[in-house]
Amino acid sequence: HIEIQLQPGRDVAGLVEAACTNWYLFQQGY
């Protein structure tokens, strides 16, 4: 579970993409 706090100007879609990429790398051991 991940919480993304919203604020004007934040690229929420970009943060979701970053979370998915980071999760994938974590699964690969990084």
PDB file of all heavy atoms in Angstrom:
ATOM      1  N   HIS A   1       0.834  -1.204   0.000  1.00  0.00           N
ATOM      2  CA  HIS A   1       0.000   0.000   0.000  1.00  0.00           C
ATOM      3  C   HIS A   1       0.870   1.257   0.000  1.00  0.00           C
ATOM      4  O   HIS A   1       1.851   1.359   0.740  1.00  0.00           O
ATOM      5  CB  HIS A   1      -0.895  -0.006   1.245  1.00  0.00           C
ATOM      6  CG  HIS A   1      -1.640   1.265   1.462  1.00  0.00           C
ATOM      7  ND1 HIS A   1      -2.738   1.619   0.715  1.00  0.00           N
ATOM      8  CD2 HIS A   1      -1.438   2.279   2.347  1.00  0.00           C
ATOM      9  CE1 HIS A   1      -3.188   2.790   1.130  1.00  0.00           C
ATOM     10  NE2 HIS A   1      -2.418   3.208   2.117  1.00  0.00           N
ATOM     11  N   ILE A   2       0.503   2.209  -0.869  1.00  0.00           N
ATOM     12  CA  ILE A   2       1.226   3.481  -0.978  1.00  0.00           C
ATOM     13  C   ILE A   2       0.215   4.622  -0.905  1.00  0.00           C
ATOM     14  O   ILE A   2      -0.854   4.553  -1.517  1.00  0.00           O
ATOM     15  CB  ILE A   2       1.999   3.581  -2.313  1.00  0.00           C
ATOM     16  CG1 ILE A   2       3.060   2.486  -2.403  1.00  0.00           C
ATOM     17  CG2 ILE A   2       2.644   4.952  -2.463  1.00  0.00           C
ATOM     18  CD1 ILE A   2       3.736   2.424  -3.760  1.00  0.00           C
ATOM     19  N   GLU A   3       0.563   5.658  -0.155  1.00  0.00           N
ATOM     20  CA  GLU A   3      -0.268   6.873  -0.120  1.00  0.00           C
ATOM     21  C   GLU A   3       0.431   7.970  -0.907  1.00  0.00           C
ATOM     22  O   GLU A   3       1.620   8.216  -0.721  1.00  0.00           O
ATOM     23  CB  GLU A   3      -0.491   7.343   1.321  1.00  0.00           C
ATOM     24  CG  GLU A   3      -1.514   6.538   2.083  1.00  0.00           C
ATOM     25  CD  GLU A   3      -1.883   7.187   3.407  1.00  0.00           C
ATOM     26  OE1 GLU A   3      -1.417   8.321   3.666  1.00  0.00           O
ATOM     27  OE2 GLU A   3      -2.632   6.577   4.180  1.00  0.00           O
ATOM     28  N   ILE A   4      -0.324   8.617  -1.791  1.00  0.00           N
ATOM     29  CA  ILE A   4       0.190   9.774  -2.531  1.00  0.00           C
ATOM     30  C   ILE A   4      -0.636  10.981  -2.129  1.00  0.00           C
ATOM     31  O   ILE A   4      -1.845  11.042  -2.399  1.00  0.00           O
ATOM     32  CB  ILE A   4       0.109   9.557  -4.062  1.00  0.00           C
ATOM     33  CG1 ILE A   4       1.033   8.405  -4.485  1.00  0.00           C
ATOM     34  CG2 ILE A   4       0.488  10.842  -4.795  1.00  0.00           C
ATOM     35  CD1 ILE A   4       1.015   8.144  -5.982  1.00  0.00           C
ATOM     36  N   GLN A   5       0.024  11.932  -1.453  1.00  0.00           N
ATOM     37  CA  GLN A   5      -0.692  13.130  -1.007  1.00  0.00           C
ATOM     38  C   GLN A   5      -0.732  14.156  -2.139  1.00  0.00           C
ATOM     39  O   GLN A   5       0.258  14.388  -2.831  1.00  0.00           O
ATOM     40  CB  GLN A   5       0.000  13.719   0.218  1.00  0.00           C
ATOM     41  CG  GLN A   5      -0.082  12.802   1.441  1.00  0.00           C
ATOM     42  CD  GLN A   5       0.358  13.499   2.708  1.00  0.00           C
ATOM     43  OE1 GLN A   5       0.566  14.709   2.726  1.00  0.00           O
ATOM     44  NE2 GLN A   5       0.470  12.751   3.783  1.00  0.00           N
ATOM     45  N   LEU A   6      -1.906  14.739  -2.333  1.00  0.00           N
ATOM     46  CA  LEU A   6      -2.127  15.652  -3.447  1.00  0.00           C
ATOM     47  C   LEU A   6      -1.891  17.097  -3.037  1.00  0.00           C
ATOM     48  O   LEU A   6      -2.204  17.502  -1.926  1.00  0.00           O
ATOM     49  CB  LEU A   6      -3.560  15.495  -3.968  1.00  0.00           C
ATOM     50  CG  LEU A   6      -3.989  14.072  -4.354  1.00  0.00           C
ATOM     51  CD1 LEU A   6      -5.384  14.095  -4.941  1.00  0.00           C
ATOM     52  CD2 LEU A   6      -3.005  13.454  -5.333  1.00  0.00           C
ATOM     53  N   GLN A   7      -1.340  17.831  -3.980  1.00  0.00           N
ATOM     54  CA  GLN A   7      -1.085  19.253  -3.784  1.00  0.00           C
ATOM     55  C   GLN A   7      -1.071  19.895  -5.164  1.00  0.00           C
ATOM     56  O   GLN A   7      -0.630  19.269  -6.138  1.00  0.00           O
ATOM     57  CB  GLN A   7       0.259  19.469  -3.075  1.00  0.00           C
ATOM     58  CG  GLN A   7       0.455  20.878  -2.546  1.00  0.00           C
ATOM     59  CD  GLN A   7       1.777  21.015  -1.801  1.00  0.00           C
ATOM     60  OE1 GLN A   7       2.798  20.535  -2.277  1.00  0.00           O
ATOM     61  NE2 GLN A   7       1.758  21.654  -0.634  1.00  0.00           N
ATOM     62  N   PRO A   8      -1.571  21.127  -5.296  1.00  0.00           N
ATOM     63  CA  PRO A   8      -1.569  21.784  -6.612  1.00  0.00           C
ATOM     64  C   PRO A   8      -0.180  21.763  -7.251  1.00  0.00           C
ATOM     65  O   PRO A   8       0.830  22.075  -6.608  1.00  0.00           O
ATOM     66  CB  PRO A   8      -2.005  23.222  -6.281  1.00  0.00           C
ATOM     67  CG  PRO A   8      -2.845  23.083  -5.064  1.00  0.00           C
ATOM     68  CD  PRO A   8      -2.202  21.980  -4.263  1.00  0.00           C
ATOM     69  N   GLY A   9      -0.127  21.354  -8.496  1.00  0.00           N
ATOM     70  CA  GLY A   9       1.140  21.336  -9.218  1.00  0.00           C
ATOM     71  C   GLY A   9       1.832  19.981  -9.246  1.00  0.00           C
ATOM     72  O   GLY A   9       2.749  19.772 -10.032  1.00  0.00           O
ATOM     73  N   ARG A  10       1.392  19.060  -8.391  1.00  0.00           N
ATOM     74  CA  ARG A  10       2.014  17.732  -8.386  1.00  0.00           C
ATOM     75  C   ARG A  10       1.549  16.924  -9.603  1.00  0.00           C
ATOM     76  O   ARG A  10       0.369  16.897  -9.933  1.00  0.00           O
ATOM     77  CB  ARG A  10       1.677  16.953  -7.116  1.00  0.00           C
ATOM     78  CG  ARG A  10       2.195  17.562  -5.831  1.00  0.00           C
ATOM     79  CD  ARG A  10       2.203  16.523  -4.714  1.00  0.00           C
ATOM     80  NE  ARG A  10       3.482  15.825  -4.660  1.00  0.00           N
ATOM     81  CZ  ARG A  10       3.718  14.766  -3.888  1.00  0.00           C
ATOM     82  NH1 ARG A  10       2.752  14.249  -3.167  1.00  0.00           N
ATOM     83  NH2 ARG A  10       4.895  14.200  -3.879  1.00  0.00           N
ATOM     84  N   ASP A  11       2.496  16.250 -10.232  1.00  0.00           N
ATOM     85  CA  ASP A  11       2.184  15.381 -11.364  1.00  0.00           C
ATOM     86  C   ASP A  11       1.806  14.010 -10.801  1.00  0.00           C
ATOM     87  O   ASP A  11       2.642  13.122 -10.661  1.00  0.00           O
ATOM     88  CB  ASP A  11       3.402  15.273 -12.288  1.00  0.00           C
ATOM     89  CG  ASP A  11       3.161  14.351 -13.473  1.00  0.00           C
ATOM     90  OD1 ASP A  11       2.009  13.936 -13.677  1.00  0.00           O
ATOM     91  OD2 ASP A  11       4.139  14.031 -14.177  1.00  0.00           O
ATOM     92  N   VAL A  12       0.518  13.839 -10.492  1.00  0.00           N
ATOM     93  CA  VAL A  12       0.064  12.613  -9.831  1.00  0.00           C
ATOM     94  C   VAL A  12       0.270  11.401 -10.726  1.00  0.00           C
ATOM     95  O   VAL A  12       0.721  10.346 -10.275  1.00  0.00           O
ATOM     96  CB  VAL A  12      -1.417  12.733  -9.420  1.00  0.00           C
ATOM     97  CG1 VAL A  12      -1.868  11.474  -8.696  1.00  0.00           C
ATOM     98  CG2 VAL A  12      -1.624  13.956  -8.534  1.00  0.00           C
ATOM     99  N   ALA A  13      -0.046  11.542 -12.015  1.00  0.00           N
ATOM    100  CA  ALA A  13       0.139  10.428 -12.940  1.00  0.00           C
ATOM    101  C   ALA A  13       1.606  10.025 -13.007  1.00  0.00           C
ATOM    102  O   ALA A  13       1.943   8.834 -13.036  1.00  0.00           O
ATOM    103  CB  ALA A  13      -0.380  10.799 -14.332  1.00  0.00           C
ATOM    104  N   GLY A  14       2.488  11.016 -13.005  1.00  0.00           N
ATOM    105  CA  GLY A  14       3.918  10.726 -13.019  1.00  0.00           C
ATOM    106  C   GLY A  14       4.366  10.015 -11.753  1.00  0.00           C
ATOM    107  O   GLY A  14       5.238   9.129 -11.797  1.00  0.00           O
ATOM    108  N   LEU A  15       3.776  10.388 -10.610  1.00  0.00           N
ATOM    109  CA  LEU A  15       4.112   9.728  -9.352  1.00  0.00           C
ATOM    110  C   LEU A  15       3.635   8.275  -9.348  1.00  0.00           C
ATOM    111  O   LEU A  15       4.311   7.394  -8.815  1.00  0.00           O
ATOM    112  CB  LEU A  15       3.482  10.493  -8.184  1.00  0.00           C
ATOM    113  CG  LEU A  15       4.050  11.889  -7.918  1.00  0.00           C
ATOM    114  CD1 LEU A  15       3.245  12.601  -6.833  1.00  0.00           C
ATOM    115  CD2 LEU A  15       5.516  11.807  -7.512  1.00  0.00           C
ATOM    116  N   VAL A  16       2.469   8.027  -9.954  1.00  0.00           N
ATOM    117  CA  VAL A  16       1.973   6.647 -10.063  1.00  0.00           C
ATOM    118  C   VAL A  16       2.922   5.829 -10.933  1.00  0.00           C
ATOM    119  O   VAL A  16       3.261   4.680 -10.612  1.00  0.00           O
ATOM    120  CB  VAL A  16       0.544   6.630 -10.645  1.00  0.00           C
ATOM    121  CG1 VAL A  16       0.113   5.192 -10.960  1.00  0.00           C
ATOM    122  CG2 VAL A  16      -0.433   7.276  -9.670  1.00  0.00           C
ATOM    123  N   GLU A  17       3.377   6.404 -12.042  1.00  0.00           N
ATOM    124  CA  GLU A  17       4.335   5.713 -12.908  1.00  0.00           C
ATOM    125  C   GLU A  17       5.627   5.410 -12.157  1.00  0.00           C
ATOM    126  O   GLU A  17       6.190   4.312 -12.264  1.00  0.00           O
ATOM    127  CB  GLU A  17       4.648   6.569 -14.134  1.00  0.00           C
ATOM    128  CG  GLU A  17       3.507   6.668 -15.127  1.00  0.00           C
ATOM    129  CD  GLU A  17       3.839   7.561 -16.311  1.00  0.00           C
ATOM    130  OE1 GLU A  17       4.544   8.577 -16.103  1.00  0.00           O
ATOM    131  OE2 GLU A  17       3.409   7.271 -17.425  1.00  0.00           O
ATOM    132  N   ALA A  18       6.093   6.384 -11.369  1.00  0.00           N
ATOM    133  CA  ALA A  18       7.321   6.188 -10.593  1.00  0.00           C
ATOM    134  C   ALA A  18       7.146   5.082  -9.567  1.00  0.00           C
ATOM    135  O   ALA A  18       8.053   4.270  -9.344  1.00  0.00           O
ATOM    136  CB  ALA A  18       7.712   7.500  -9.907  1.00  0.00           C
ATOM    137  N   ALA A  19       5.976   5.036  -8.928  1.00  0.00           N
ATOM    138  CA  ALA A  19       5.706   4.001  -7.925  1.00  0.00           C
ATOM    139  C   ALA A  19       5.734   2.623  -8.561  1.00  0.00           C
ATOM    140  O   ALA A  19       6.278   1.669  -7.990  1.00  0.00           O
ATOM    141  CB  ALA A  19       4.357   4.258  -7.258  1.00  0.00           C
ATOM    142  N   CYS A  20       5.154   2.501  -9.754  1.00  0.00           N
ATOM    143  CA  CYS A  20       5.128   1.198 -10.449  1.00  0.00           C
ATOM    144  C   CYS A  20       6.531   0.779 -10.872  1.00  0.00           C
ATOM    145  O   CYS A  20       6.913  -0.393 -10.728  1.00  0.00           O
ATOM    146  CB  CYS A  20       4.211   1.279 -11.661  1.00  0.00           C
ATOM    147  SG  CYS A  20       2.460   1.455 -11.243  1.00  0.00           S
ATOM    148  N   THR A  21       7.298   1.717 -11.404  1.00  0.00           N
ATOM    149  CA  THR A  21       8.669   1.401 -11.818  1.00  0.00           C
ATOM    150  C   THR A  21       9.523   1.011 -10.627  1.00  0.00           C
ATOM    151  O   THR A  21      10.301   0.047 -10.682  1.00  0.00           O
ATOM    152  CB  THR A  21       9.296   2.617 -12.529  1.00  0.00           C
ATOM    153  OG1 THR A  21       8.469   2.991 -13.643  1.00  0.00           O
ATOM    154  CG2 THR A  21      10.690   2.282 -13.042  1.00  0.00           C
ATOM    155  N   ASN A  22       9.368   1.746  -9.515  1.00  0.00           N
ATOM    156  CA  ASN A  22      10.144   1.452  -8.317  1.00  0.00           C
ATOM    157  C   ASN A  22       9.775   0.078  -7.745  1.00  0.00           C
ATOM    158  O   ASN A  22      10.639  -0.672  -7.282  1.00  0.00           O
ATOM    159  CB  ASN A  22       9.900   2.535  -7.267  1.00  0.00           C
ATOM    160  CG  ASN A  22      11.013   2.609  -6.248  1.00  0.00           C
ATOM    161  OD1 ASN A  22      12.191   2.541  -6.590  1.00  0.00           O
ATOM    162  ND2 ASN A  22      10.659   2.737  -4.982  1.00  0.00           N
ATOM    163  N   TRP A  23       8.471  -0.255  -7.790  1.00  0.00           N
ATOM    164  CA  TRP A  23       8.032  -1.577  -7.320  1.00  0.00           C
ATOM    165  C   TRP A  23       8.646  -2.678  -8.174  1.00  0.00           C
ATOM    166  O   TRP A  23       9.105  -3.694  -7.654  1.00  0.00           O
ATOM    167  CB  TRP A  23       6.512  -1.666  -7.375  1.00  0.00           C
ATOM    168  CG  TRP A  23       5.979  -3.019  -6.981  1.00  0.00           C
ATOM    169  CD1 TRP A  23       5.663  -3.453  -5.733  1.00  0.00           C
ATOM    170  CD2 TRP A  23       5.735  -4.123  -7.860  1.00  0.00           C
ATOM    171  NE1 TRP A  23       5.231  -4.765  -5.767  1.00  0.00           N
ATOM    172  CE2 TRP A  23       5.269  -5.203  -7.062  1.00  0.00           C
ATOM    173  CE3 TRP A  23       5.858  -4.315  -9.234  1.00  0.00           C
ATOM    174  CZ2 TRP A  23       4.928  -6.435  -7.615  1.00  0.00           C
ATOM    175  CZ3 TRP A  23       5.520  -5.542  -9.767  1.00  0.00           C
ATOM    176  CH2 TRP A  23       5.056  -6.587  -8.957  1.00  0.00           C
ATOM    177  N   TYR A  24       8.667  -2.466  -9.488  1.00  0.00           N
ATOM    178  CA  TYR A  24       9.226  -3.480 -10.390  1.00  0.00           C
ATOM    179  C   TYR A  24      10.718  -3.691 -10.097  1.00  0.00           C
ATOM    180  O   TYR A  24      11.186  -4.833 -10.024  1.00  0.00           O
ATOM    181  CB  TYR A  24       9.031  -3.049 -11.842  1.00  0.00           C
ATOM    182  CG  TYR A  24       9.661  -4.007 -12.831  1.00  0.00           C
ATOM    183  CD1 TYR A  24       9.014  -5.189 -13.173  1.00  0.00           C
ATOM    184  CD2 TYR A  24      10.904  -3.732 -13.401  1.00  0.00           C
ATOM    185  CE1 TYR A  24       9.589  -6.083 -14.062  1.00  0.00           C
ATOM    186  CE2 TYR A  24      11.484  -4.621 -14.291  1.00  0.00           C
ATOM    187  CZ  TYR A  24      10.821  -5.794 -14.612  1.00  0.00           C
ATOM    188  OH  TYR A  24      11.409  -6.674 -15.493  1.00  0.00           O
ATOM    189  N   LEU A  25      11.455  -2.605  -9.915  1.00  0.00           N
ATOM    190  CA  LEU A  25      12.883  -2.721  -9.613  1.00  0.00           C
ATOM    191  C   LEU A  25      13.099  -3.421  -8.275  1.00  0.00           C
ATOM    192  O   LEU A  25      14.035  -4.216  -8.115  1.00  0.00           O
ATOM    193  CB  LEU A  25      13.529  -1.330  -9.591  1.00  0.00           C
ATOM    194  CG  LEU A  25      13.651  -0.630 -10.945  1.00  0.00           C
ATOM    195  CD1 LEU A  25      14.162   0.788 -10.753  1.00  0.00           C
ATOM    196  CD2 LEU A  25      14.564  -1.410 -11.882  1.00  0.00           C
ATOM    197  N   PHE A  26      12.226  -3.130  -7.312  1.00  0.00           N
ATOM    198  CA  PHE A  26      12.331  -3.770  -6.005  1.00  0.00           C
ATOM    199  C   PHE A  26      12.137  -5.280  -6.135  1.00  0.00           C
ATOM    200  O   PHE A  26      12.792  -6.067  -5.456  1.00  0.00           O
ATOM    201  CB  PHE A  26      11.285  -3.170  -5.050  1.00  0.00           C
ATOM    202  CG  PHE A  26      11.418  -3.652  -3.637  1.00  0.00           C
ATOM    203  CD1 PHE A  26      12.400  -3.143  -2.804  1.00  0.00           C
ATOM    204  CD2 PHE A  26      10.559  -4.617  -3.128  1.00  0.00           C
ATOM    205  CE1 PHE A  26      12.528  -3.585  -1.493  1.00  0.00           C
ATOM    206  CE2 PHE A  26      10.679  -5.073  -1.834  1.00  0.00           C
ATOM    207  CZ  PHE A  26      11.675  -4.559  -1.005  1.00  0.00           C
ATOM    208  N   GLN A  27      11.210  -5.692  -7.015  1.00  0.00           N
ATOM    209  CA  GLN A  27      10.984  -7.116  -7.247  1.00  0.00           C
ATOM    210  C   GLN A  27      12.198  -7.779  -7.887  1.00  0.00           C
ATOM    211  O   GLN A  27      12.425  -8.978  -7.722  1.00  0.00           O
ATOM    212  CB  GLN A  27       9.753  -7.325  -8.151  1.00  0.00           C
ATOM    213  CG  GLN A  27       8.458  -6.826  -7.561  1.00  0.00           C
ATOM    214  CD  GLN A  27       8.143  -7.459  -6.215  1.00  0.00           C
ATOM    215  OE1 GLN A  27       8.095  -8.673  -6.089  1.00  0.00           O
ATOM    216  NE2 GLN A  27       7.936  -6.624  -5.206  1.00  0.00           N
ATOM    217  N   GLN A  28      12.979  -6.979  -8.612  1.00  0.00           N
ATOM    218  CA  GLN A  28      14.186  -7.503  -9.240  1.00  0.00           C
ATOM    219  C   GLN A  28      15.385  -7.492  -8.288  1.00  0.00           C
ATOM    220  O   GLN A  28      16.491  -7.900  -8.671  1.00  0.00           O
ATOM    221  CB  GLN A  28      14.530  -6.677 -10.486  1.00  0.00           C
ATOM    222  CG  GLN A  28      13.410  -6.618 -11.512  1.00  0.00           C
ATOM    223  CD  GLN A  28      12.985  -7.988 -11.987  1.00  0.00           C
ATOM    224  OE1 GLN A  28      13.822  -8.791 -12.380  1.00  0.00           O
ATOM    225  NE2 GLN A  28      11.690  -8.260 -11.948  1.00  0.00           N
ATOM    226  N   GLY A  29      15.172  -7.025  -7.057  1.00  0.00           N
ATOM    227  CA  GLY A  29      16.234  -7.035  -6.053  1.00  0.00           C
ATOM    228  C   GLY A  29      16.962  -5.718  -5.882  1.00  0.00           C
ATOM    229  O   GLY A  29      17.948  -5.644  -5.144  1.00  0.00           O
ATOM    230  N   TYR A  30      16.470  -4.648  -6.542  1.00  0.00           N
ATOM    231  CA  TYR A  30      17.138  -3.349  -6.428  1.00  0.00           C
ATOM    232  C   TYR A  30      16.381  -2.443  -5.476  1.00  0.00           C
ATOM    233  O   TYR A  30      15.155  -2.329  -5.540  1.00  0.00           O
ATOM    234  CB  TYR A  30      17.240  -2.674  -7.796  1.00  0.00           C
ATOM    235  CG  TYR A  30      17.794  -1.266  -7.721  1.00  0.00           C
ATOM    236  CD1 TYR A  30      19.156  -1.037  -7.542  1.00  0.00           C
ATOM    237  CD2 TYR A  30      16.940  -0.165  -7.804  1.00  0.00           C
ATOM    238  CE1 TYR A  30      19.659   0.256  -7.456  1.00  0.00           C
ATOM    239  CE2 TYR A  30      17.425   1.124  -7.725  1.00  0.00           C
ATOM    240  CZ  TYR A  30      18.790   1.335  -7.551  1.00  0.00           C
ATOM    241  OH  TYR A  30      19.279   2.617  -7.447  1.00  0.00           O
TER     242      TYR A  30
END
